Amino acid sequence: MSLDTEKRHLAALLTAESSDYSRHMATAVTESLTDEAAWIKRAQCSDSSAFEALYRLHIDKVYGLCLRMTGNVAEAEDCTQEAFIQAWNQLSKFRGDSAFSTWLHRIAVNCVLGRMRKAIRERERILAVAENTLEPVATGDDDDLRDLSEAVGRLPEGARHVFVLNAVYGYSHDETAEMLGIAAGTSKAQLHRAKRLLAQQLKQQGFEA
């Protein structure tokens, strides 16, 4: 299979809807987490089926990261696709110094930040949280989680990115700072800011601290 053919196969994979084969691969991924290292080695030798297995294993978390950072489904989908395309093209550079998931997340973060730098509207997206008029809080766990997700989406860009990487995905301040190109101290300050703004929003919605 030529490189161009493999790239077309990858592009089709990243845009295809579910199929019997996809469902089979998802099941195989769940049952074969220990095979990740083998899939990586095979994918580095241009084995697109091995990369498909890696894609199925990591797609949910990469998409979730992009969605939380962008706050927009369409942009998250674009960033996710771009992240996996870049991962395929840069796979030879992966040396195992960090977990493969961490390496993928860094690529995804860079895709999101690059997209935001190009979009003027994203630089103007910081909202005056205290002035927002929020809908009354509905009861139920799903509604509470949706309220929290919306509150995170309203955070200023810098605070939102740090909160997602540190509080949601569990990266340290040093790791978060490296991904975002900021100082560790700035990461700590932004996390504190994010928590303060979230507390203000949730209080407005009727939650008690």
N, C-alpha and C. Protein backbone atom coordinates (compact mmCIF):
# COMPACT_ATOMS: atom_id res chain seq x y z
N MET A 1 0.85 -1.20 0.00
CA MET A 1 0.00 0.00 0.00
C MET A 1 0.89 1.25 0.00
N SER A 2 0.66 2.18 -0.95
CA SER A 2 1.48 3.39 -1.02
C SER A 2 1.15 4.33 0.11
N LEU A 3 2.06 5.29 0.34
CA LEU A 3 1.85 6.26 1.40
C LEU A 3 0.60 7.09 1.14
N ASP A 4 0.37 7.49 -0.13
CA ASP A 4 -0.82 8.27 -0.46
C ASP A 4 -2.08 7.47 -0.20
N THR A 5 -2.05 6.19 -0.54
CA THR A 5 -3.21 5.34 -0.30
C THR A 5 -3.50 5.22 1.18
N GLU A 6 -2.43 5.07 1.97
CA GLU A 6 -2.59 4.96 3.42
C GLU A 6 -3.15 6.25 4.00
N LYS A 7 -2.71 7.39 3.48
CA LYS A 7 -3.21 8.67 3.97
C LYS A 7 -4.70 8.81 3.64
N ARG A 8 -5.09 8.35 2.46
CA ARG A 8 -6.51 8.41 2.11
C ARG A 8 -7.32 7.49 3.01
N HIS A 9 -6.73 6.34 3.33
CA HIS A 9 -7.40 5.41 4.24
C HIS A 9 -7.57 6.06 5.62
N LEU A 10 -6.53 6.75 6.07
CA LEU A 10 -6.60 7.42 7.37
C LEU A 10 -7.64 8.52 7.36
N ALA A 11 -7.66 9.32 6.30
CA ALA A 11 -8.64 10.40 6.20
C ALA A 11 -10.06 9.83 6.22
N ALA A 12 -10.25 8.72 5.51
CA ALA A 12 -11.57 8.09 5.51
C ALA A 12 -11.93 7.60 6.90
N LEU A 13 -10.97 7.06 7.59
CA LEU A 13 -11.19 6.58 8.95
C LEU A 13 -11.65 7.71 9.87
N LEU A 14 -11.00 8.85 9.76
CA LEU A 14 -11.27 9.95 10.67
C LEU A 14 -12.60 10.63 10.39
N THR A 15 -13.18 10.39 9.23
CA THR A 15 -14.44 11.03 8.89
C THR A 15 -15.58 10.03 8.75
N ALA A 16 -15.27 8.75 8.82
CA ALA A 16 -16.29 7.73 8.58
C ALA A 16 -17.25 7.60 9.74
N GLU A 17 -18.47 7.19 9.45
CA GLU A 17 -19.44 6.89 10.47
C GLU A 17 -19.21 5.46 10.96
N SER A 18 -19.90 5.06 12.03
CA SER A 18 -19.71 3.74 12.63
C SER A 18 -20.05 2.65 11.62
N SER A 19 -19.31 1.55 11.70
CA SER A 19 -19.54 0.38 10.87
C SER A 19 -19.37 -0.85 11.74
N ASP A 20 -19.74 -2.01 11.18
CA ASP A 20 -19.54 -3.24 11.93
C ASP A 20 -18.08 -3.40 12.28
N TYR A 21 -17.22 -3.05 11.33
CA TYR A 21 -15.78 -3.17 11.59
C TYR A 21 -15.35 -2.23 12.70
N SER A 22 -15.88 -1.00 12.69
CA SER A 22 -15.52 -0.04 13.72
C SER A 22 -15.95 -0.54 15.10
N ARG A 23 -17.17 -1.07 15.18
CA ARG A 23 -17.64 -1.59 16.46
C ARG A 23 -16.78 -2.76 16.91
N HIS A 24 -16.36 -3.59 15.95
CA HIS A 24 -15.48 -4.71 16.29
C HIS A 24 -14.15 -4.20 16.82
N MET A 25 -13.62 -3.16 16.17
CA MET A 25 -12.34 -2.59 16.61
C MET A 25 -12.47 -1.98 18.00
N ALA A 26 -13.58 -1.30 18.27
CA ALA A 26 -13.78 -0.69 19.58
C ALA A 26 -13.78 -1.76 20.67
N THR A 27 -14.42 -2.89 20.38
CA THR A 27 -14.43 -3.99 21.35
C THR A 27 -13.04 -4.56 21.54
N ALA A 28 -12.33 -4.72 20.43
CA ALA A 28 -10.98 -5.26 20.51
C ALA A 28 -10.07 -4.35 21.30
N VAL A 29 -10.25 -3.04 21.13
CA VAL A 29 -9.44 -2.08 21.87
C VAL A 29 -9.68 -2.22 23.37
N THR A 30 -10.95 -2.32 23.74
CA THR A 30 -11.28 -2.44 25.16
C THR A 30 -10.64 -3.68 25.77
N GLU A 31 -10.60 -4.75 25.00
CA GLU A 31 -10.10 -6.02 25.51
C GLU A 31 -8.59 -6.17 25.40
N SER A 32 -7.93 -5.24 24.72
CA SER A 32 -6.51 -5.44 24.42
C SER A 32 -5.67 -4.20 24.72
N LEU A 33 -5.91 -3.59 25.87
CA LEU A 33 -5.17 -2.37 26.21
C LEU A 33 -3.67 -2.61 26.25
N THR A 34 -3.27 -3.83 26.62
CA THR A 34 -1.83 -4.11 26.74
C THR A 34 -1.15 -4.17 25.38
N ASP A 35 -1.91 -4.15 24.30
CA ASP A 35 -1.33 -4.22 22.96
C ASP A 35 -0.91 -2.86 22.42
N GLU A 36 -1.09 -1.81 23.21
CA GLU A 36 -0.81 -0.46 22.70
C GLU A 36 0.62 -0.33 22.19
N ALA A 37 1.59 -0.82 22.93
CA ALA A 37 3.00 -0.70 22.52
C ALA A 37 3.23 -1.39 21.17
N ALA A 38 2.59 -2.55 20.98
CA ALA A 38 2.74 -3.26 19.71
C ALA A 38 2.09 -2.48 18.58
N TRP A 39 0.92 -1.90 18.85
CA TRP A 39 0.25 -1.10 17.83
C TRP A 39 1.11 0.10 17.43
N ILE A 40 1.74 0.73 18.42
CA ILE A 40 2.59 1.89 18.13
C ILE A 40 3.73 1.49 17.21
N LYS A 41 4.40 0.39 17.51
CA LYS A 41 5.53 -0.06 16.69
C LYS A 41 5.09 -0.37 15.27
N ARG A 42 3.95 -1.03 15.15
CA ARG A 42 3.44 -1.35 13.82
C ARG A 42 3.04 -0.09 13.07
N ALA A 43 2.39 0.83 13.76
CA ALA A 43 1.97 2.08 13.11
C ALA A 43 3.17 2.89 12.66
N GLN A 44 4.25 2.84 13.43
CA GLN A 44 5.47 3.55 13.03
C GLN A 44 6.10 2.96 11.78
N CYS A 45 5.69 1.76 11.43
CA CYS A 45 6.13 1.12 10.19
C CYS A 45 5.07 1.26 9.10
N SER A 46 4.24 2.29 9.24
CA SER A 46 3.21 2.64 8.25
C SER A 46 2.07 1.65 8.18
N ASP A 47 1.80 0.96 9.27
CA ASP A 47 0.66 0.04 9.34
C ASP A 47 -0.58 0.85 9.76
N SER A 48 -1.42 1.19 8.79
CA SER A 48 -2.57 2.04 9.09
C SER A 48 -3.61 1.33 9.94
N SER A 49 -3.70 0.01 9.85
CA SER A 49 -4.68 -0.71 10.68
C SER A 49 -4.27 -0.64 12.15
N ALA A 50 -2.97 -0.65 12.44
CA ALA A 50 -2.50 -0.50 13.81
C ALA A 50 -2.80 0.90 14.32
N PHE A 51 -2.64 1.89 13.45
CA PHE A 51 -2.96 3.26 13.87
C PHE A 51 -4.45 3.40 14.10
N GLU A 52 -5.26 2.67 13.33
CA GLU A 52 -6.70 2.70 13.56
C GLU A 52 -7.04 2.19 14.96
N ALA A 53 -6.32 1.16 15.39
CA ALA A 53 -6.54 0.64 16.74
C ALA A 53 -6.20 1.69 17.79
N LEU A 54 -5.11 2.42 17.57
CA LEU A 54 -4.72 3.49 18.48
C LEU A 54 -5.77 4.60 18.46
N TYR A 55 -6.27 4.90 17.28
CA TYR A 55 -7.32 5.92 17.14
C TYR A 55 -8.54 5.53 17.95
N ARG A 56 -9.00 4.29 17.82
CA ARG A 56 -10.18 3.84 18.55
C ARG A 56 -9.95 3.88 20.05
N LEU A 57 -8.72 3.64 20.47
CA LEU A 57 -8.41 3.61 21.89
C LEU A 57 -8.44 5.00 22.52
N HIS A 58 -8.00 6.01 21.76
CA HIS A 58 -7.79 7.34 22.34
C HIS A 58 -8.76 8.42 21.86
N ILE A 59 -9.62 8.12 20.89
CA ILE A 59 -10.45 9.16 20.29
C ILE A 59 -11.33 9.87 21.30
N ASP A 60 -11.94 9.14 22.23
CA ASP A 60 -12.88 9.77 23.16
C ASP A 60 -12.21 10.83 24.03
N LYS A 61 -11.05 10.51 24.58
CA LYS A 61 -10.39 11.46 25.47
C LYS A 61 -9.80 12.65 24.70
N VAL A 62 -9.29 12.40 23.50
CA VAL A 62 -8.76 13.51 22.71
C VAL A 62 -9.90 14.45 22.31
N TYR A 63 -11.02 13.87 21.88
CA TYR A 63 -12.17 14.72 21.52
C TYR A 63 -12.68 15.48 22.75
N GLY A 64 -12.75 14.80 23.89
CA GLY A 64 -13.20 15.46 25.11
C GLY A 64 -12.31 16.63 25.49
N LEU A 65 -11.01 16.44 25.33
CA LEU A 65 -10.07 17.52 25.62
C LEU A 65 -10.30 18.70 24.69
N CYS A 66 -10.42 18.42 23.39
CA CYS A 66 -10.64 19.50 22.42
C CYS A 66 -11.96 20.21 22.66
N LEU A 67 -13.00 19.44 23.02
CA LEU A 67 -14.31 20.05 23.25
C LEU A 67 -14.28 20.96 24.47
N ARG A 68 -13.63 20.53 25.52
CA ARG A 68 -13.58 21.36 26.73
C ARG A 68 -12.74 22.62 26.50
N MET A 69 -11.71 22.51 25.67
CA MET A 69 -10.86 23.68 25.41
C MET A 69 -11.52 24.68 24.48
N THR A 70 -12.23 24.16 23.46
CA THR A 70 -12.84 25.07 22.49
C THR A 70 -14.24 25.49 22.88
N GLY A 71 -14.96 24.61 23.58
CA GLY A 71 -16.35 24.90 23.91
C GLY A 71 -17.26 24.89 22.71
N ASN A 72 -16.82 24.25 21.61
CA ASN A 72 -17.58 24.25 20.38
C ASN A 72 -17.44 22.89 19.71
N VAL A 73 -18.57 22.23 19.44
CA VAL A 73 -18.54 20.87 18.90
C VAL A 73 -17.84 20.80 17.54
N ALA A 74 -18.20 21.70 16.63
CA ALA A 74 -17.61 21.66 15.29
C ALA A 74 -16.10 21.89 15.34
N GLU A 75 -15.67 22.87 16.14
CA GLU A 75 -14.24 23.13 16.25
C GLU A 75 -13.52 21.98 16.93
N ALA A 76 -14.17 21.37 17.92
CA ALA A 76 -13.56 20.23 18.60
C ALA A 76 -13.38 19.07 17.63
N GLU A 77 -14.36 18.83 16.78
CA GLU A 77 -14.25 17.76 15.80
C GLU A 77 -13.11 18.03 14.82
N ASP A 78 -13.01 19.28 14.36
CA ASP A 78 -11.92 19.64 13.44
C ASP A 78 -10.56 19.47 14.10
N CYS A 79 -10.45 19.94 15.35
CA CYS A 79 -9.17 19.85 16.06
C CYS A 79 -8.80 18.39 16.33
N THR A 80 -9.79 17.58 16.64
CA THR A 80 -9.54 16.16 16.89
C THR A 80 -9.02 15.48 15.63
N GLN A 81 -9.67 15.75 14.51
CA GLN A 81 -9.22 15.16 13.25
C GLN A 81 -7.81 15.62 12.92
N GLU A 82 -7.56 16.91 13.07
CA GLU A 82 -6.23 17.45 12.78
C GLU A 82 -5.18 16.84 13.70
N ALA A 83 -5.53 16.63 14.96
CA ALA A 83 -4.58 16.05 15.92
C ALA A 83 -4.17 14.65 15.51
N PHE A 84 -5.12 13.84 15.06
CA PHE A 84 -4.78 12.47 14.67
C PHE A 84 -4.02 12.44 13.34
N ILE A 85 -4.33 13.35 12.45
CA ILE A 85 -3.56 13.44 11.21
C ILE A 85 -2.11 13.82 11.51
N GLN A 86 -1.94 14.80 12.40
CA GLN A 86 -0.58 15.18 12.79
C GLN A 86 0.13 14.05 13.52
N ALA A 87 -0.61 13.33 14.36
CA ALA A 87 0.00 12.21 15.07
C ALA A 87 0.49 11.15 14.09
N TRP A 88 -0.29 10.86 13.07
CA TRP A 88 0.11 9.90 12.03
C TRP A 88 1.37 10.38 11.32
N ASN A 89 1.39 11.66 10.97
CA ASN A 89 2.55 12.20 10.25
C ASN A 89 3.81 12.29 11.12
N GLN A 90 3.62 12.44 12.44
CA GLN A 90 4.76 12.63 13.34
C GLN A 90 5.07 11.39 14.18
N LEU A 91 4.45 10.27 13.85
CA LEU A 91 4.56 9.09 14.70
C LEU A 91 5.99 8.61 14.87
N SER A 92 6.81 8.84 13.87
CA SER A 92 8.21 8.41 13.97
C SER A 92 8.96 9.17 15.06
N LYS A 93 8.43 10.33 15.48
CA LYS A 93 9.09 11.14 16.51
C LYS A 93 8.75 10.67 17.92
N PHE A 94 7.75 9.80 18.04
CA PHE A 94 7.38 9.31 19.37
C PHE A 94 8.42 8.30 19.84
N ARG A 95 9.04 8.59 20.98
CA ARG A 95 10.12 7.75 21.49
C ARG A 95 9.76 7.07 22.80
N GLY A 96 8.56 7.30 23.30
CA GLY A 96 8.15 6.66 24.53
C GLY A 96 8.65 7.33 25.79
N ASP A 97 9.14 8.57 25.68
CA ASP A 97 9.59 9.31 26.86
C ASP A 97 8.42 9.65 27.78
N SER A 98 7.22 9.73 27.22
CA SER A 98 6.00 9.94 28.01
C SER A 98 4.97 8.94 27.52
N ALA A 99 3.84 8.87 28.21
CA ALA A 99 2.77 7.98 27.76
C ALA A 99 2.28 8.44 26.39
N PHE A 100 1.84 7.50 25.58
CA PHE A 100 1.35 7.84 24.25
C PHE A 100 0.16 8.79 24.35
N SER A 101 -0.68 8.60 25.36
CA SER A 101 -1.84 9.49 25.54
C SER A 101 -1.39 10.92 25.81
N THR A 102 -0.33 11.08 26.61
CA THR A 102 0.20 12.43 26.89
C THR A 102 0.72 13.07 25.62
N TRP A 103 1.45 12.29 24.82
CA TRP A 103 1.97 12.79 23.54
C TRP A 103 0.83 13.23 22.64
N LEU A 104 -0.23 12.44 22.57
CA LEU A 104 -1.39 12.80 21.76
C LEU A 104 -2.07 14.05 22.28
N HIS A 105 -2.20 14.16 23.60
CA HIS A 105 -2.86 15.33 24.19
C HIS A 105 -2.08 16.60 23.89
N ARG A 106 -0.76 16.51 23.89
CA ARG A 106 0.05 17.69 23.56
C ARG A 106 -0.20 18.13 22.13
N ILE A 107 -0.28 17.18 21.22
CA ILE A 107 -0.58 17.51 19.83
C ILE A 107 -1.97 18.16 19.74
N ALA A 108 -2.94 17.59 20.46
CA ALA A 108 -4.30 18.14 20.43
C ALA A 108 -4.33 19.56 20.98
N VAL A 109 -3.63 19.79 22.08
CA VAL A 109 -3.57 21.13 22.68
C VAL A 109 -2.98 22.12 21.68
N ASN A 110 -1.91 21.72 20.99
CA ASN A 110 -1.29 22.61 20.01
C ASN A 110 -2.24 22.90 18.85
N CYS A 111 -3.03 21.90 18.45
CA CYS A 111 -4.02 22.12 17.39
C CYS A 111 -5.06 23.14 17.82
N VAL A 112 -5.52 23.00 19.05
CA VAL A 112 -6.53 23.94 19.57
C VAL A 112 -5.96 25.35 19.65
N LEU A 113 -4.76 25.46 20.23
CA LEU A 113 -4.17 26.79 20.39
C LEU A 113 -3.87 27.43 19.03
N GLY A 114 -3.40 26.64 18.07
CA GLY A 114 -3.13 27.17 16.74
C GLY A 114 -4.40 27.67 16.08
N ARG A 115 -5.48 26.92 16.24
CA ARG A 115 -6.76 27.33 15.66
C ARG A 115 -7.27 28.61 16.30
N MET A 116 -7.09 28.70 17.61
CA MET A 116 -7.57 29.89 18.31
C MET A 116 -6.76 31.13 17.95
N ARG A 117 -5.47 30.95 17.74
CA ARG A 117 -4.63 32.10 17.36
C ARG A 117 -5.06 32.66 16.01
N LYS A 118 -5.59 31.80 15.15
CA LYS A 118 -6.00 32.24 13.81
C LYS A 118 -7.40 32.84 13.81
N ALA A 119 -8.16 32.59 14.86
CA ALA A 119 -9.55 33.05 14.89
C ALA A 119 -9.67 34.28 15.78
N ILE A 120 -9.94 35.41 15.19
CA ILE A 120 -10.04 36.65 15.95
C ILE A 120 -11.15 36.57 16.99
N ARG A 121 -12.21 35.92 16.63
CA ARG A 121 -13.34 35.85 17.56
C ARG A 121 -12.97 35.13 18.84
N GLU A 122 -12.03 34.18 18.77
CA GLU A 122 -11.63 33.46 19.96
C GLU A 122 -10.86 34.37 20.93
N ARG A 123 -10.12 35.33 20.39
CA ARG A 123 -9.36 36.24 21.25
C ARG A 123 -10.29 37.23 21.95
N GLU A 124 -11.51 37.34 21.43
CA GLU A 124 -12.46 38.28 22.02
C GLU A 124 -13.55 37.56 22.81
N ARG A 125 -13.32 36.29 23.11
CA ARG A 125 -14.40 35.47 23.64
C ARG A 125 -14.55 35.54 25.16
N ILE A 126 -13.64 36.22 25.86
CA ILE A 126 -13.73 36.29 27.32
C ILE A 126 -15.03 36.98 27.73
N LEU A 127 -15.77 36.32 28.55
CA LEU A 127 -17.08 36.86 28.97
C LEU A 127 -16.99 37.50 30.34
N ALA A 128 -17.83 38.51 30.57
CA ALA A 128 -17.95 39.10 31.90
C ALA A 128 -18.90 38.21 32.70
N VAL A 129 -18.32 37.24 33.41
CA VAL A 129 -19.11 36.19 34.06
C VAL A 129 -20.15 36.78 35.01
N ALA A 130 -19.76 37.79 35.76
CA ALA A 130 -20.68 38.32 36.77
C ALA A 130 -21.92 38.94 36.16
N GLU A 131 -21.86 39.30 34.86
CA GLU A 131 -22.97 39.97 34.22
C GLU A 131 -23.87 39.00 33.46
N ASN A 132 -23.48 37.71 33.45
CA ASN A 132 -24.28 36.73 32.71
C ASN A 132 -25.62 36.48 33.39
N THR A 133 -26.63 36.29 32.59
CA THR A 133 -27.93 35.87 33.11
C THR A 133 -28.07 34.39 32.81
N LEU A 134 -28.06 33.59 33.85
CA LEU A 134 -28.06 32.15 33.69
C LEU A 134 -29.45 31.58 33.91
N GLU A 135 -29.72 30.45 33.29
CA GLU A 135 -31.01 29.77 33.45
C GLU A 135 -31.10 29.17 34.85
N PRO A 136 -32.30 29.05 35.40
CA PRO A 136 -32.46 28.42 36.71
C PRO A 136 -31.93 26.99 36.68
N VAL A 137 -31.41 26.55 37.81
CA VAL A 137 -30.83 25.22 37.90
C VAL A 137 -31.94 24.19 37.97
N ALA A 138 -31.88 23.17 37.10
CA ALA A 138 -32.82 22.06 37.16
C ALA A 138 -32.27 21.01 38.11
N THR A 139 -33.13 20.14 38.61
CA THR A 139 -32.67 19.11 39.53
C THR A 139 -32.24 17.89 38.75
N GLY A 140 -31.37 17.08 39.38
CA GLY A 140 -30.91 15.85 38.74
C GLY A 140 -29.44 15.92 38.44
N ASP A 141 -28.76 14.77 38.52
CA ASP A 141 -27.32 14.73 38.33
C ASP A 141 -26.91 15.17 36.93
N ASP A 142 -27.65 14.74 35.88
CA ASP A 142 -27.29 15.10 34.52
C ASP A 142 -27.37 16.61 34.34
N ASP A 143 -28.39 17.23 34.91
CA ASP A 143 -28.52 18.68 34.78
C ASP A 143 -27.39 19.39 35.51
N ASP A 144 -27.03 18.88 36.69
CA ASP A 144 -25.94 19.49 37.45
C ASP A 144 -24.64 19.43 36.67
N LEU A 145 -24.37 18.27 36.04
CA LEU A 145 -23.15 18.14 35.26
C LEU A 145 -23.17 19.07 34.05
N ARG A 146 -24.35 19.23 33.44
CA ARG A 146 -24.45 20.12 32.29
C ARG A 146 -24.21 21.57 32.73
N ASP A 147 -24.75 21.95 33.89
CA ASP A 147 -24.51 23.29 34.41
C ASP A 147 -23.03 23.53 34.65
N LEU A 148 -22.34 22.53 35.22
CA LEU A 148 -20.91 22.67 35.48
C LEU A 148 -20.13 22.78 34.18
N SER A 149 -20.50 21.96 33.18
CA SER A 149 -19.82 22.01 31.89
C SER A 149 -19.99 23.37 31.23
N GLU A 150 -21.21 23.91 31.31
CA GLU A 150 -21.45 25.24 30.74
C GLU A 150 -20.67 26.31 31.48
N ALA A 151 -20.55 26.16 32.79
CA ALA A 151 -19.79 27.13 33.58
C ALA A 151 -18.32 27.10 33.18
N VAL A 152 -17.77 25.91 32.96
CA VAL A 152 -16.38 25.80 32.51
C VAL A 152 -16.22 26.45 31.14
N GLY A 153 -17.20 26.26 30.27
CA GLY A 153 -17.14 26.86 28.94
C GLY A 153 -17.16 28.37 28.96
N ARG A 154 -17.68 28.96 30.03
CA ARG A 154 -17.73 30.43 30.13
C ARG A 154 -16.45 31.03 30.72
N LEU A 155 -15.55 30.18 31.18
CA LEU A 155 -14.31 30.71 31.75
C LEU A 155 -13.48 31.43 30.69
N PRO A 156 -12.72 32.45 31.08
CA PRO A 156 -11.78 33.06 30.14
C PRO A 156 -10.83 32.00 29.59
N GLU A 157 -10.39 32.20 28.39
CA GLU A 157 -9.63 31.19 27.66
C GLU A 157 -8.47 30.60 28.46
N GLY A 158 -7.61 31.45 29.00
CA GLY A 158 -6.43 30.96 29.72
C GLY A 158 -6.80 30.13 30.94
N ALA A 159 -7.76 30.63 31.70
CA ALA A 159 -8.19 29.91 32.90
C ALA A 159 -8.87 28.60 32.53
N ARG A 160 -9.64 28.60 31.44
CA ARG A 160 -10.33 27.39 31.01
C ARG A 160 -9.34 26.31 30.60
N HIS A 161 -8.33 26.68 29.84
CA HIS A 161 -7.35 25.70 29.38
C HIS A 161 -6.61 25.05 30.55
N VAL A 162 -6.19 25.87 31.50
CA VAL A 162 -5.48 25.33 32.68
C VAL A 162 -6.40 24.44 33.49
N PHE A 163 -7.65 24.87 33.68
CA PHE A 163 -8.59 24.07 34.46
C PHE A 163 -8.82 22.71 33.82
N VAL A 164 -9.00 22.69 32.50
CA VAL A 164 -9.26 21.43 31.80
C VAL A 164 -8.07 20.48 31.93
N LEU A 165 -6.87 20.99 31.68
CA LEU A 165 -5.69 20.12 31.71
C LEU A 165 -5.35 19.68 33.13
N ASN A 166 -5.46 20.59 34.10
CA ASN A 166 -5.04 20.27 35.47
C ASN A 166 -6.14 19.59 36.26
N ALA A 167 -7.30 20.20 36.31
CA ALA A 167 -8.37 19.68 37.18
C ALA A 167 -9.15 18.54 36.55
N VAL A 168 -9.33 18.58 35.22
CA VAL A 168 -10.13 17.55 34.56
C VAL A 168 -9.27 16.37 34.12
N TYR A 169 -8.12 16.67 33.48
CA TYR A 169 -7.28 15.59 32.95
C TYR A 169 -6.15 15.19 33.88
N GLY A 170 -5.94 15.94 34.95
CA GLY A 170 -5.00 15.51 35.97
C GLY A 170 -3.53 15.78 35.69
N TYR A 171 -3.22 16.64 34.73
CA TYR A 171 -1.81 16.96 34.49
C TYR A 171 -1.29 17.89 35.58
N SER A 172 -0.01 17.75 35.91
CA SER A 172 0.60 18.62 36.91
C SER A 172 0.73 20.04 36.35
N HIS A 173 1.06 20.98 37.23
CA HIS A 173 1.24 22.35 36.75
C HIS A 173 2.44 22.44 35.81
N ASP A 174 3.47 21.68 36.06
CA ASP A 174 4.63 21.68 35.16
C ASP A 174 4.24 21.16 33.78
N GLU A 175 3.47 20.05 33.74
CA GLU A 175 3.03 19.49 32.46
C GLU A 175 2.07 20.43 31.75
N THR A 176 1.15 21.01 32.51
CA THR A 176 0.19 21.96 31.93
C THR A 176 0.91 23.17 31.35
N ALA A 177 1.88 23.68 32.09
CA ALA A 177 2.64 24.83 31.63
C ALA A 177 3.40 24.52 30.34
N GLU A 178 3.98 23.31 30.27
CA GLU A 178 4.72 22.92 29.06
C GLU A 178 3.79 22.84 27.86
N MET A 179 2.60 22.26 28.04
CA MET A 179 1.66 22.13 26.93
C MET A 179 1.17 23.49 26.43
N LEU A 180 0.94 24.42 27.36
CA LEU A 180 0.37 25.72 27.00
C LEU A 180 1.42 26.80 26.72
N GLY A 181 2.69 26.48 26.98
CA GLY A 181 3.75 27.46 26.75
C GLY A 181 3.73 28.60 27.74
N ILE A 182 3.42 28.30 29.00
CA ILE A 182 3.40 29.32 30.05
C ILE A 182 4.26 28.84 31.21
N ALA A 183 4.44 29.70 32.21
CA ALA A 183 5.20 29.32 33.40
C ALA A 183 4.32 28.51 34.34
N ALA A 184 4.95 27.66 35.15
CA ALA A 184 4.20 26.86 36.11
C ALA A 184 3.44 27.76 37.09
N GLY A 185 4.06 28.88 37.48
CA GLY A 185 3.40 29.82 38.37
C GLY A 185 2.15 30.41 37.75
N THR A 186 2.20 30.66 36.44
CA THR A 186 1.03 31.18 35.73
C THR A 186 -0.07 30.14 35.72
N SER A 187 0.32 28.88 35.54
CA SER A 187 -0.67 27.79 35.57
C SER A 187 -1.39 27.76 36.92
N LYS A 188 -0.64 27.88 38.00
CA LYS A 188 -1.24 27.88 39.34
C LYS A 188 -2.18 29.06 39.52
N ALA A 189 -1.75 30.23 39.03
CA ALA A 189 -2.59 31.42 39.17
C ALA A 189 -3.88 31.30 38.36
N GLN A 190 -3.76 30.73 37.16
CA GLN A 190 -4.94 30.57 36.31
C GLN A 190 -5.90 29.54 36.89
N LEU A 191 -5.37 28.49 37.52
CA LEU A 191 -6.24 27.51 38.15
C LEU A 191 -7.01 28.15 39.30
N HIS A 192 -6.32 28.95 40.08
CA HIS A 192 -6.98 29.65 41.19
C HIS A 192 -8.07 30.57 40.65
N ARG A 193 -7.77 31.27 39.57
CA ARG A 193 -8.74 32.16 38.95
C ARG A 193 -9.95 31.37 38.44
N ALA A 194 -9.67 30.24 37.80
CA ALA A 194 -10.75 29.41 37.26
C ALA A 194 -11.69 28.94 38.38
N LYS A 195 -11.11 28.47 39.46
CA LYS A 195 -11.93 27.98 40.58
C LYS A 195 -12.76 29.10 41.18
N ARG A 196 -12.17 30.30 41.27
CA ARG A 196 -12.90 31.43 41.84
C ARG A 196 -14.09 31.82 40.95
N LEU A 197 -13.85 31.87 39.64
CA LEU A 197 -14.92 32.24 38.72
C LEU A 197 -16.00 31.16 38.65
N LEU A 198 -15.58 29.90 38.72
CA LEU A 198 -16.56 28.82 38.74
C LEU A 198 -17.44 28.90 39.98
N ALA A 199 -16.81 29.19 41.11
CA ALA A 199 -17.57 29.31 42.36
C ALA A 199 -18.60 30.44 42.25
N GLN A 200 -18.21 31.55 41.62
CA GLN A 200 -19.14 32.67 41.45
C GLN A 200 -20.31 32.27 40.56
N GLN A 201 -20.01 31.58 39.45
CA GLN A 201 -21.07 31.17 38.54
C GLN A 201 -22.03 30.19 39.19
N LEU A 202 -21.47 29.19 39.85
CA LEU A 202 -22.31 28.17 40.46
C LEU A 202 -23.16 28.73 41.60
N LYS A 203 -22.61 29.73 42.30
CA LYS A 203 -23.39 30.38 43.35
C LYS A 203 -24.57 31.12 42.74
N GLN A 204 -24.35 31.75 41.60
CA GLN A 204 -25.43 32.44 40.90
C GLN A 204 -26.51 31.45 40.47
N GLN A 205 -26.10 30.23 40.15
CA GLN A 205 -27.04 29.21 39.71
C GLN A 205 -27.77 28.52 40.87
N GLY A 206 -27.37 28.85 42.10
CA GLY A 206 -28.07 28.28 43.22
C GLY A 206 -27.34 27.21 43.98
N PHE A 207 -26.08 26.93 43.57
CA PHE A 207 -25.29 25.95 44.31
C PHE A 207 -24.66 26.61 45.53
N GLU A 208 -24.52 25.82 46.58
CA GLU A 208 -23.83 26.30 47.77
C GLU A 208 -22.42 25.73 47.80
N ALA A 209 -21.44 26.56 48.17
CA ALA A 209 -20.06 26.10 48.21
C ALA A 209 -19.87 25.07 49.31
